[in-house]
N, C-alpha and C. Protein backbone atom coordinates (compact mmCIF):
# COMPACT_ATOMS: atom_id res chain seq x y z
N UNK A 1 148.23 89.60 -24.93
CA UNK A 1 147.58 89.43 -23.65
C UNK A 1 148.60 89.49 -22.54
N UNK A 2 148.22 90.09 -21.47
CA UNK A 2 149.10 90.17 -20.33
C UNK A 2 148.56 89.27 -19.24
N UNK A 3 149.45 88.61 -18.55
CA UNK A 3 149.04 87.71 -17.48
C UNK A 3 149.47 88.30 -16.15
N UNK A 4 148.61 88.14 -15.17
CA UNK A 4 148.88 88.66 -13.84
C UNK A 4 149.07 87.49 -12.89
N UNK A 5 150.14 87.55 -12.13
CA UNK A 5 150.45 86.44 -11.23
C UNK A 5 149.62 86.56 -9.97
N UNK A 6 149.17 85.42 -9.50
CA UNK A 6 148.44 85.34 -8.25
C UNK A 6 149.34 85.84 -7.13
N UNK A 7 148.77 86.55 -6.12
CA UNK A 7 149.63 87.11 -5.07
C UNK A 7 150.32 86.07 -4.19
N UNK A 8 149.85 84.83 -4.17
CA UNK A 8 150.50 83.80 -3.36
C UNK A 8 151.66 83.26 -4.17
N UNK A 9 152.87 83.34 -3.61
CA UNK A 9 154.04 82.93 -4.39
C UNK A 9 154.76 81.73 -3.80
N UNK A 10 154.30 81.23 -2.68
CA UNK A 10 154.97 80.10 -2.07
C UNK A 10 154.00 78.93 -1.96
N UNK A 11 154.57 77.73 -1.94
CA UNK A 11 153.75 76.54 -1.73
C UNK A 11 153.28 76.53 -0.28
N UNK A 12 152.09 76.04 -0.07
CA UNK A 12 151.53 75.95 1.27
C UNK A 12 151.77 74.53 1.77
N UNK A 13 152.27 74.43 2.97
CA UNK A 13 152.58 73.12 3.54
C UNK A 13 151.50 72.74 4.55
N UNK A 14 150.99 71.52 4.44
CA UNK A 14 150.01 71.03 5.40
C UNK A 14 150.77 70.53 6.61
N UNK A 15 150.46 71.07 7.75
CA UNK A 15 151.20 70.73 8.96
C UNK A 15 150.85 69.32 9.44
N UNK A 16 151.79 68.73 10.08
CA UNK A 16 151.60 67.37 10.54
C UNK A 16 150.58 67.27 11.66
N UNK A 17 150.22 68.41 12.28
CA UNK A 17 149.24 68.34 13.36
C UNK A 17 147.88 67.88 12.84
N UNK A 18 147.60 68.08 11.56
CA UNK A 18 146.36 67.60 10.99
C UNK A 18 146.32 66.08 11.05
N UNK A 19 147.45 65.46 10.77
CA UNK A 19 147.53 63.99 10.84
C UNK A 19 147.36 63.53 12.28
N UNK A 20 147.96 64.27 13.21
CA UNK A 20 147.89 63.90 14.62
C UNK A 20 146.46 63.92 15.15
N UNK A 21 145.61 64.78 14.57
CA UNK A 21 144.22 64.87 15.01
C UNK A 21 143.36 63.77 14.40
N UNK A 22 143.93 63.00 13.52
CA UNK A 22 143.20 61.92 12.89
C UNK A 22 142.30 62.40 11.76
N UNK A 23 142.53 63.63 11.27
CA UNK A 23 141.73 64.17 10.18
C UNK A 23 142.30 63.67 8.86
N UNK A 24 141.44 63.37 7.90
CA UNK A 24 141.95 62.90 6.60
C UNK A 24 142.67 64.02 5.87
N UNK A 25 143.77 63.68 5.25
CA UNK A 25 144.53 64.63 4.45
C UNK A 25 144.21 64.33 2.99
N UNK A 26 143.68 65.32 2.28
CA UNK A 26 143.23 65.08 0.91
C UNK A 26 144.34 65.20 -0.12
N UNK A 27 145.48 65.73 0.26
CA UNK A 27 146.59 65.86 -0.68
C UNK A 27 147.49 64.63 -0.59
N UNK A 28 148.05 64.24 -1.72
CA UNK A 28 148.92 63.07 -1.72
C UNK A 28 150.30 63.42 -1.18
N UNK A 29 150.67 64.68 -1.28
CA UNK A 29 151.96 65.08 -0.75
C UNK A 29 151.75 66.15 0.31
N UNK A 30 152.81 66.55 0.96
CA UNK A 30 152.73 67.53 2.03
C UNK A 30 152.60 68.96 1.49
N UNK A 31 152.96 69.19 0.24
CA UNK A 31 152.89 70.55 -0.33
C UNK A 31 151.89 70.58 -1.47
N UNK A 32 151.23 71.73 -1.62
CA UNK A 32 150.30 71.92 -2.72
C UNK A 32 151.07 72.25 -3.99
N UNK A 33 150.36 72.21 -5.12
CA UNK A 33 150.99 72.51 -6.41
C UNK A 33 151.43 73.97 -6.45
N UNK A 34 152.45 74.25 -7.26
CA UNK A 34 152.92 75.63 -7.37
C UNK A 34 151.82 76.55 -7.92
N UNK A 35 152.00 77.82 -7.69
CA UNK A 35 151.05 78.84 -8.11
C UNK A 35 151.03 78.94 -9.62
N UNK A 36 149.82 79.16 -10.17
CA UNK A 36 149.67 79.34 -11.62
C UNK A 36 149.44 80.81 -11.92
N UNK A 37 149.74 81.20 -13.15
CA UNK A 37 149.41 82.54 -13.61
C UNK A 37 147.97 82.56 -14.06
N UNK A 38 147.29 83.66 -13.77
CA UNK A 38 145.89 83.80 -14.12
C UNK A 38 145.73 85.08 -14.94
N UNK A 39 144.93 85.02 -15.98
CA UNK A 39 144.67 86.19 -16.82
C UNK A 39 143.30 86.78 -16.45
N UNK A 40 143.28 88.08 -16.20
CA UNK A 40 142.02 88.79 -15.95
C UNK A 40 141.79 89.77 -17.09
N UNK A 41 140.55 89.90 -17.55
CA UNK A 41 140.26 90.88 -18.60
C UNK A 41 140.59 92.30 -18.13
N UNK A 42 140.89 93.17 -19.07
CA UNK A 42 141.26 94.54 -18.75
C UNK A 42 140.21 95.23 -17.88
N UNK A 43 138.93 95.01 -18.18
CA UNK A 43 137.87 95.66 -17.41
C UNK A 43 137.92 95.29 -15.93
N UNK A 44 138.19 94.03 -15.64
CA UNK A 44 138.24 93.57 -14.25
C UNK A 44 139.44 94.20 -13.53
N UNK A 45 140.57 94.21 -14.20
CA UNK A 45 141.78 94.79 -13.61
C UNK A 45 141.58 96.29 -13.40
N UNK A 46 141.02 96.96 -14.39
CA UNK A 46 140.78 98.40 -14.29
C UNK A 46 139.83 98.72 -13.14
N UNK A 47 138.76 97.97 -13.04
CA UNK A 47 137.78 98.18 -11.97
C UNK A 47 138.45 98.03 -10.60
N UNK A 48 139.33 97.08 -10.47
CA UNK A 48 140.06 96.89 -9.22
C UNK A 48 140.97 98.08 -8.93
N UNK A 49 141.64 98.60 -9.97
CA UNK A 49 142.48 99.78 -9.78
C UNK A 49 141.66 100.97 -9.32
N UNK A 50 140.46 101.13 -9.87
CA UNK A 50 139.59 102.24 -9.46
C UNK A 50 139.20 102.08 -8.00
N UNK A 51 138.79 100.89 -7.61
CA UNK A 51 138.38 100.65 -6.22
C UNK A 51 139.52 100.92 -5.24
N UNK A 52 140.75 100.61 -5.65
CA UNK A 52 141.90 100.81 -4.76
C UNK A 52 142.53 102.19 -4.91
N UNK A 53 142.06 102.98 -5.89
CA UNK A 53 142.59 104.32 -6.08
C UNK A 53 143.99 104.34 -6.66
N UNK A 54 144.31 103.40 -7.50
CA UNK A 54 145.64 103.33 -8.15
C UNK A 54 145.67 104.30 -9.33
N UNK A 55 145.90 105.58 -9.02
CA UNK A 55 145.76 106.64 -10.02
C UNK A 55 146.68 106.46 -11.22
N UNK A 56 147.91 106.07 -10.99
CA UNK A 56 148.85 105.90 -12.12
C UNK A 56 148.34 104.83 -13.09
N UNK A 57 147.88 103.71 -12.55
CA UNK A 57 147.41 102.62 -13.40
C UNK A 57 146.09 102.96 -14.09
N UNK A 58 145.24 103.70 -13.41
CA UNK A 58 143.99 104.15 -14.04
C UNK A 58 144.32 104.98 -15.27
N UNK A 59 145.22 105.93 -15.10
CA UNK A 59 145.64 106.77 -16.23
C UNK A 59 146.23 105.97 -17.37
N UNK A 60 147.06 105.00 -17.03
CA UNK A 60 147.67 104.16 -18.08
C UNK A 60 146.62 103.40 -18.87
N UNK A 61 145.64 102.82 -18.18
CA UNK A 61 144.60 102.05 -18.87
C UNK A 61 143.77 102.94 -19.79
N UNK A 62 143.44 104.13 -19.34
CA UNK A 62 142.62 105.04 -20.15
C UNK A 62 143.42 105.52 -21.35
N UNK A 63 144.65 105.97 -21.12
CA UNK A 63 145.47 106.49 -22.23
C UNK A 63 145.77 105.41 -23.26
N UNK A 64 145.92 104.17 -22.83
CA UNK A 64 146.19 103.07 -23.76
C UNK A 64 144.90 102.56 -24.41
N UNK A 65 143.77 103.14 -24.04
CA UNK A 65 142.45 102.76 -24.57
C UNK A 65 142.14 101.28 -24.36
N UNK A 66 142.55 100.79 -23.21
CA UNK A 66 142.25 99.40 -22.86
C UNK A 66 140.84 99.26 -22.32
N UNK A 67 140.28 100.37 -21.86
CA UNK A 67 138.93 100.38 -21.29
C UNK A 67 138.21 101.65 -21.75
N UNK A 68 136.89 101.64 -21.58
CA UNK A 68 136.09 102.79 -21.92
C UNK A 68 135.42 103.31 -20.64
N UNK A 69 135.41 104.60 -20.45
CA UNK A 69 134.84 105.17 -19.23
C UNK A 69 133.33 105.07 -19.17
N UNK A 70 132.68 104.78 -20.29
CA UNK A 70 131.22 104.67 -20.25
C UNK A 70 130.73 103.23 -20.07
N UNK A 71 131.65 102.30 -19.87
CA UNK A 71 131.28 100.89 -19.66
C UNK A 71 130.56 100.72 -18.33
N UNK A 72 129.45 99.99 -18.37
CA UNK A 72 128.76 99.60 -17.15
C UNK A 72 129.25 98.18 -16.83
N UNK A 73 129.86 98.02 -15.67
CA UNK A 73 130.45 96.73 -15.28
C UNK A 73 129.39 95.80 -14.70
N UNK A 74 129.81 94.59 -14.36
CA UNK A 74 128.89 93.60 -13.78
C UNK A 74 128.27 94.09 -12.48
N UNK A 75 128.93 95.02 -11.83
CA UNK A 75 128.41 95.61 -10.59
C UNK A 75 127.21 96.50 -10.87
N UNK A 76 126.98 96.82 -12.15
CA UNK A 76 125.89 97.71 -12.53
C UNK A 76 126.30 99.17 -12.57
N UNK A 77 127.60 99.43 -12.36
CA UNK A 77 128.09 100.80 -12.29
C UNK A 77 129.25 101.02 -13.27
N UNK A 78 129.49 102.28 -13.55
CA UNK A 78 130.65 102.67 -14.36
C UNK A 78 131.81 103.00 -13.42
N UNK A 79 132.97 103.28 -13.99
CA UNK A 79 134.17 103.56 -13.20
C UNK A 79 133.97 104.75 -12.27
N UNK A 80 133.30 105.80 -12.73
CA UNK A 80 133.13 106.98 -11.88
C UNK A 80 132.27 106.65 -10.66
N UNK A 81 131.29 105.77 -10.82
CA UNK A 81 130.47 105.35 -9.67
C UNK A 81 131.32 104.58 -8.67
N UNK A 82 132.17 103.69 -9.18
CA UNK A 82 133.05 102.91 -8.31
C UNK A 82 133.99 103.84 -7.54
N UNK A 83 134.51 104.86 -8.21
CA UNK A 83 135.42 105.80 -7.56
C UNK A 83 134.71 106.58 -6.46
N UNK A 84 133.48 106.99 -6.72
CA UNK A 84 132.71 107.71 -5.70
C UNK A 84 132.48 106.80 -4.50
N UNK A 85 132.09 105.57 -4.75
CA UNK A 85 131.82 104.64 -3.64
C UNK A 85 133.06 104.34 -2.82
N UNK A 86 134.23 104.44 -3.44
CA UNK A 86 135.46 104.22 -2.68
C UNK A 86 135.78 105.43 -1.80
N UNK A 87 135.11 106.55 -2.06
CA UNK A 87 135.35 107.76 -1.27
C UNK A 87 136.63 108.48 -1.63
N UNK A 88 137.19 108.18 -2.78
CA UNK A 88 138.48 108.73 -3.18
C UNK A 88 138.28 109.91 -4.13
N UNK A 89 138.32 111.11 -3.58
CA UNK A 89 138.11 112.32 -4.37
C UNK A 89 139.14 112.46 -5.48
N UNK A 90 140.40 112.14 -5.20
CA UNK A 90 141.44 112.26 -6.22
C UNK A 90 141.18 111.32 -7.40
N UNK A 91 140.66 110.16 -7.12
CA UNK A 91 140.33 109.21 -8.19
C UNK A 91 139.16 109.75 -9.02
N UNK A 92 138.16 110.31 -8.36
CA UNK A 92 137.02 110.91 -9.08
C UNK A 92 137.53 112.04 -9.98
N UNK A 93 138.39 112.90 -9.43
CA UNK A 93 138.94 114.01 -10.21
C UNK A 93 139.70 113.52 -11.44
N UNK A 94 140.50 112.47 -11.26
CA UNK A 94 141.27 111.94 -12.38
C UNK A 94 140.34 111.39 -13.46
N UNK A 95 139.32 110.63 -13.06
CA UNK A 95 138.40 110.07 -14.05
C UNK A 95 137.67 111.18 -14.81
N UNK A 96 137.27 112.24 -14.11
CA UNK A 96 136.61 113.36 -14.78
C UNK A 96 137.59 114.03 -15.74
N UNK A 97 138.83 114.23 -15.30
CA UNK A 97 139.85 114.84 -16.16
C UNK A 97 140.06 114.00 -17.42
N UNK A 98 139.97 112.68 -17.28
CA UNK A 98 140.19 111.78 -18.42
C UNK A 98 138.94 111.57 -19.26
N UNK A 99 137.83 112.22 -18.86
CA UNK A 99 136.64 112.18 -19.71
C UNK A 99 135.40 111.52 -19.15
N UNK A 100 135.40 111.13 -17.89
CA UNK A 100 134.20 110.52 -17.30
C UNK A 100 133.08 111.56 -17.21
N UNK A 101 131.88 111.14 -17.46
CA UNK A 101 130.70 112.00 -17.45
C UNK A 101 130.14 112.09 -16.04
N UNK A 102 130.03 113.30 -15.48
CA UNK A 102 129.51 113.46 -14.12
C UNK A 102 128.02 113.18 -14.03
N UNK A 103 127.35 113.07 -15.18
CA UNK A 103 125.92 112.74 -15.19
C UNK A 103 125.67 111.29 -15.61
N UNK A 104 126.74 110.50 -15.72
CA UNK A 104 126.60 109.10 -16.13
C UNK A 104 125.69 108.37 -15.16
N UNK A 105 124.81 107.55 -15.68
CA UNK A 105 123.86 106.83 -14.83
C UNK A 105 124.20 105.35 -14.80
N UNK A 106 124.01 104.76 -13.61
CA UNK A 106 124.23 103.32 -13.49
C UNK A 106 122.95 102.58 -13.88
N UNK A 107 122.89 101.28 -13.62
CA UNK A 107 121.72 100.48 -14.03
C UNK A 107 120.43 100.90 -13.34
N UNK A 108 120.53 101.54 -12.18
CA UNK A 108 119.35 101.99 -11.45
C UNK A 108 119.15 103.50 -11.58
N UNK A 109 119.83 104.07 -12.58
CA UNK A 109 119.73 105.49 -12.91
C UNK A 109 120.32 106.42 -11.85
N UNK A 110 121.21 105.90 -11.04
CA UNK A 110 121.91 106.74 -10.06
C UNK A 110 123.05 107.46 -10.77
N UNK A 111 123.23 108.73 -10.44
CA UNK A 111 124.37 109.50 -10.92
C UNK A 111 125.47 109.42 -9.85
N UNK A 112 126.68 109.85 -10.18
CA UNK A 112 127.72 109.91 -9.14
C UNK A 112 127.30 110.78 -7.95
N UNK A 113 126.53 111.83 -8.20
CA UNK A 113 126.08 112.69 -7.10
C UNK A 113 125.12 111.94 -6.18
N UNK A 114 124.24 111.10 -6.73
CA UNK A 114 123.38 110.26 -5.89
C UNK A 114 124.24 109.43 -4.94
N UNK A 115 125.29 108.83 -5.48
CA UNK A 115 126.13 107.95 -4.67
C UNK A 115 126.91 108.72 -3.61
N UNK A 116 127.42 109.90 -3.96
CA UNK A 116 128.15 110.71 -3.00
C UNK A 116 127.24 111.10 -1.83
N UNK A 117 126.00 111.42 -2.14
CA UNK A 117 125.04 111.80 -1.08
C UNK A 117 124.63 110.58 -0.26
N UNK A 118 124.34 109.50 -0.91
CA UNK A 118 123.89 108.28 -0.22
C UNK A 118 124.96 107.73 0.71
N UNK A 119 126.21 107.77 0.27
CA UNK A 119 127.29 107.17 1.05
C UNK A 119 128.03 108.18 1.94
N UNK A 120 127.55 109.43 1.95
CA UNK A 120 128.08 110.41 2.89
C UNK A 120 129.45 110.97 2.55
N UNK A 121 129.66 111.37 1.31
CA UNK A 121 130.94 111.96 0.89
C UNK A 121 130.74 113.41 0.47
N UNK A 122 130.72 114.35 1.43
CA UNK A 122 130.46 115.74 1.09
C UNK A 122 131.52 116.37 0.18
N UNK A 123 132.78 115.98 0.32
CA UNK A 123 133.82 116.56 -0.54
C UNK A 123 133.59 116.18 -2.00
N UNK A 124 133.21 114.94 -2.22
CA UNK A 124 132.94 114.49 -3.60
C UNK A 124 131.68 115.17 -4.13
N UNK A 125 130.65 115.25 -3.30
CA UNK A 125 129.41 115.92 -3.72
C UNK A 125 129.69 117.38 -4.08
N UNK A 126 130.47 118.07 -3.25
CA UNK A 126 130.82 119.47 -3.49
C UNK A 126 131.57 119.61 -4.82
N UNK A 127 132.51 118.70 -5.06
CA UNK A 127 133.28 118.73 -6.30
C UNK A 127 132.36 118.51 -7.51
N UNK A 128 131.49 117.53 -7.44
CA UNK A 128 130.58 117.25 -8.56
C UNK A 128 129.65 118.43 -8.81
N UNK A 129 129.13 119.04 -7.75
CA UNK A 129 128.27 120.21 -7.90
C UNK A 129 129.04 121.38 -8.52
N UNK A 130 130.32 121.53 -8.16
CA UNK A 130 131.13 122.62 -8.71
C UNK A 130 131.34 122.46 -10.22
N UNK A 131 131.22 121.22 -10.69
CA UNK A 131 131.36 120.95 -12.13
C UNK A 131 130.03 121.02 -12.87
N UNK A 132 128.95 121.25 -12.10
CA UNK A 132 127.65 121.38 -12.73
C UNK A 132 126.77 120.14 -12.64
N UNK A 133 127.08 119.23 -11.75
CA UNK A 133 126.22 118.05 -11.57
C UNK A 133 124.82 118.52 -11.21
N UNK A 134 123.82 117.92 -11.81
CA UNK A 134 122.43 118.33 -11.63
C UNK A 134 121.83 117.68 -10.38
N UNK A 135 121.53 118.47 -9.35
CA UNK A 135 120.96 117.90 -8.12
C UNK A 135 119.49 117.53 -8.25
N UNK A 136 118.90 117.83 -9.39
CA UNK A 136 117.47 117.53 -9.59
C UNK A 136 117.22 116.23 -10.34
N UNK A 137 118.27 115.59 -10.84
CA UNK A 137 118.08 114.33 -11.56
C UNK A 137 117.56 113.26 -10.61
N UNK A 138 116.62 112.46 -11.07
CA UNK A 138 116.04 111.41 -10.24
C UNK A 138 116.52 110.04 -10.69
N UNK A 139 116.65 109.13 -9.72
CA UNK A 139 116.97 107.74 -10.06
C UNK A 139 115.67 107.03 -10.42
N UNK A 140 115.73 105.73 -10.65
CA UNK A 140 114.53 105.01 -11.10
C UNK A 140 113.44 104.95 -10.03
N UNK A 141 113.77 105.25 -8.79
CA UNK A 141 112.77 105.29 -7.71
C UNK A 141 112.24 106.71 -7.49
N UNK A 142 112.66 107.64 -8.33
CA UNK A 142 112.20 109.02 -8.20
C UNK A 142 112.91 109.82 -7.13
N UNK A 143 114.07 109.35 -6.69
CA UNK A 143 114.82 110.04 -5.64
C UNK A 143 115.87 110.96 -6.25
N UNK A 144 115.96 112.17 -5.71
CA UNK A 144 117.02 113.09 -6.08
C UNK A 144 118.20 112.85 -5.11
N UNK A 145 119.39 113.29 -5.46
CA UNK A 145 120.54 113.08 -4.56
C UNK A 145 120.29 113.52 -3.13
N UNK A 146 119.69 114.69 -2.94
CA UNK A 146 119.46 115.20 -1.59
C UNK A 146 118.51 114.31 -0.78
N UNK A 147 117.65 113.56 -1.46
CA UNK A 147 116.72 112.66 -0.77
C UNK A 147 117.45 111.50 -0.11
N UNK A 148 118.69 111.26 -0.50
CA UNK A 148 119.45 110.10 -0.02
C UNK A 148 120.41 110.43 1.11
N UNK A 149 120.44 111.69 1.52
CA UNK A 149 121.36 112.12 2.57
C UNK A 149 120.85 111.63 3.93
N UNK A 150 121.75 111.05 4.71
CA UNK A 150 121.41 110.62 6.07
C UNK A 150 121.12 111.85 6.93
N UNK A 151 120.12 111.79 7.81
CA UNK A 151 119.75 112.96 8.62
C UNK A 151 120.86 113.49 9.52
N UNK A 152 121.85 112.66 9.86
CA UNK A 152 122.92 113.12 10.74
C UNK A 152 124.15 113.64 9.98
N UNK A 153 124.08 113.67 8.66
CA UNK A 153 125.21 114.17 7.87
C UNK A 153 125.03 115.67 7.64
N UNK A 154 125.39 116.42 8.65
CA UNK A 154 125.17 117.87 8.65
C UNK A 154 125.86 118.57 7.47
N UNK A 155 127.07 118.15 7.15
CA UNK A 155 127.82 118.80 6.07
C UNK A 155 127.10 118.68 4.73
N UNK A 156 126.61 117.50 4.41
CA UNK A 156 125.87 117.33 3.16
C UNK A 156 124.53 118.07 3.20
N UNK A 157 123.86 118.03 4.34
CA UNK A 157 122.59 118.74 4.47
C UNK A 157 122.80 120.24 4.23
N UNK A 158 123.86 120.79 4.80
CA UNK A 158 124.17 122.21 4.60
C UNK A 158 124.51 122.50 3.13
N UNK A 159 125.22 121.59 2.51
CA UNK A 159 125.59 121.77 1.10
C UNK A 159 124.34 121.89 0.22
N UNK A 160 123.30 121.17 0.56
CA UNK A 160 122.07 121.19 -0.21
C UNK A 160 121.03 122.15 0.38
N UNK A 161 121.42 122.91 1.40
CA UNK A 161 120.52 123.87 2.02
C UNK A 161 119.38 123.23 2.78
N UNK A 162 119.64 122.05 3.36
CA UNK A 162 118.59 121.31 4.07
C UNK A 162 118.81 121.24 5.57
N UNK A 163 119.86 121.86 6.08
CA UNK A 163 120.17 121.78 7.51
C UNK A 163 119.16 122.62 8.29
N UNK A 164 118.64 122.04 9.37
CA UNK A 164 117.70 122.76 10.23
C UNK A 164 118.48 123.75 11.09
N UNK A 165 117.90 124.90 11.32
CA UNK A 165 118.55 125.89 12.19
C UNK A 165 118.39 125.48 13.63
N UNK A 166 119.51 125.53 14.37
CA UNK A 166 119.46 125.17 15.80
C UNK A 166 119.17 126.37 16.65
């Protein structure tokens, strides 16, 4: 097991101005206890790397088989969905290269293409379509990806052939 240290590395000191205001001080001393090490499961750490676009660490976790790309996390989504929502095309490309399924569905039957359209990421949508993502797949509400495009997102509307002629 690997342990990850909390990002706070110094003791926090309660300033004496709290005493001057007459507020009760709940600590017996002026400094808090030192920082402890905390262990996070691989899935949690991996999901965080995906959200932050840490490409090197994503690759390491996949190659070491510490995680599976088809896992649905507590968020209800798989890693590829998280990458799309972060808007990071390079992260999406890496996950696909490492074996992520472009048709993978989350708990509400959304595909990565649904998310790219809903959240306004035309570059990601274009990339997924270039790989053969099916624009006709419906989520559990019967919506296709194009149904989720905001009316003012001209680039996505044009990509799906829905832009009105001016």
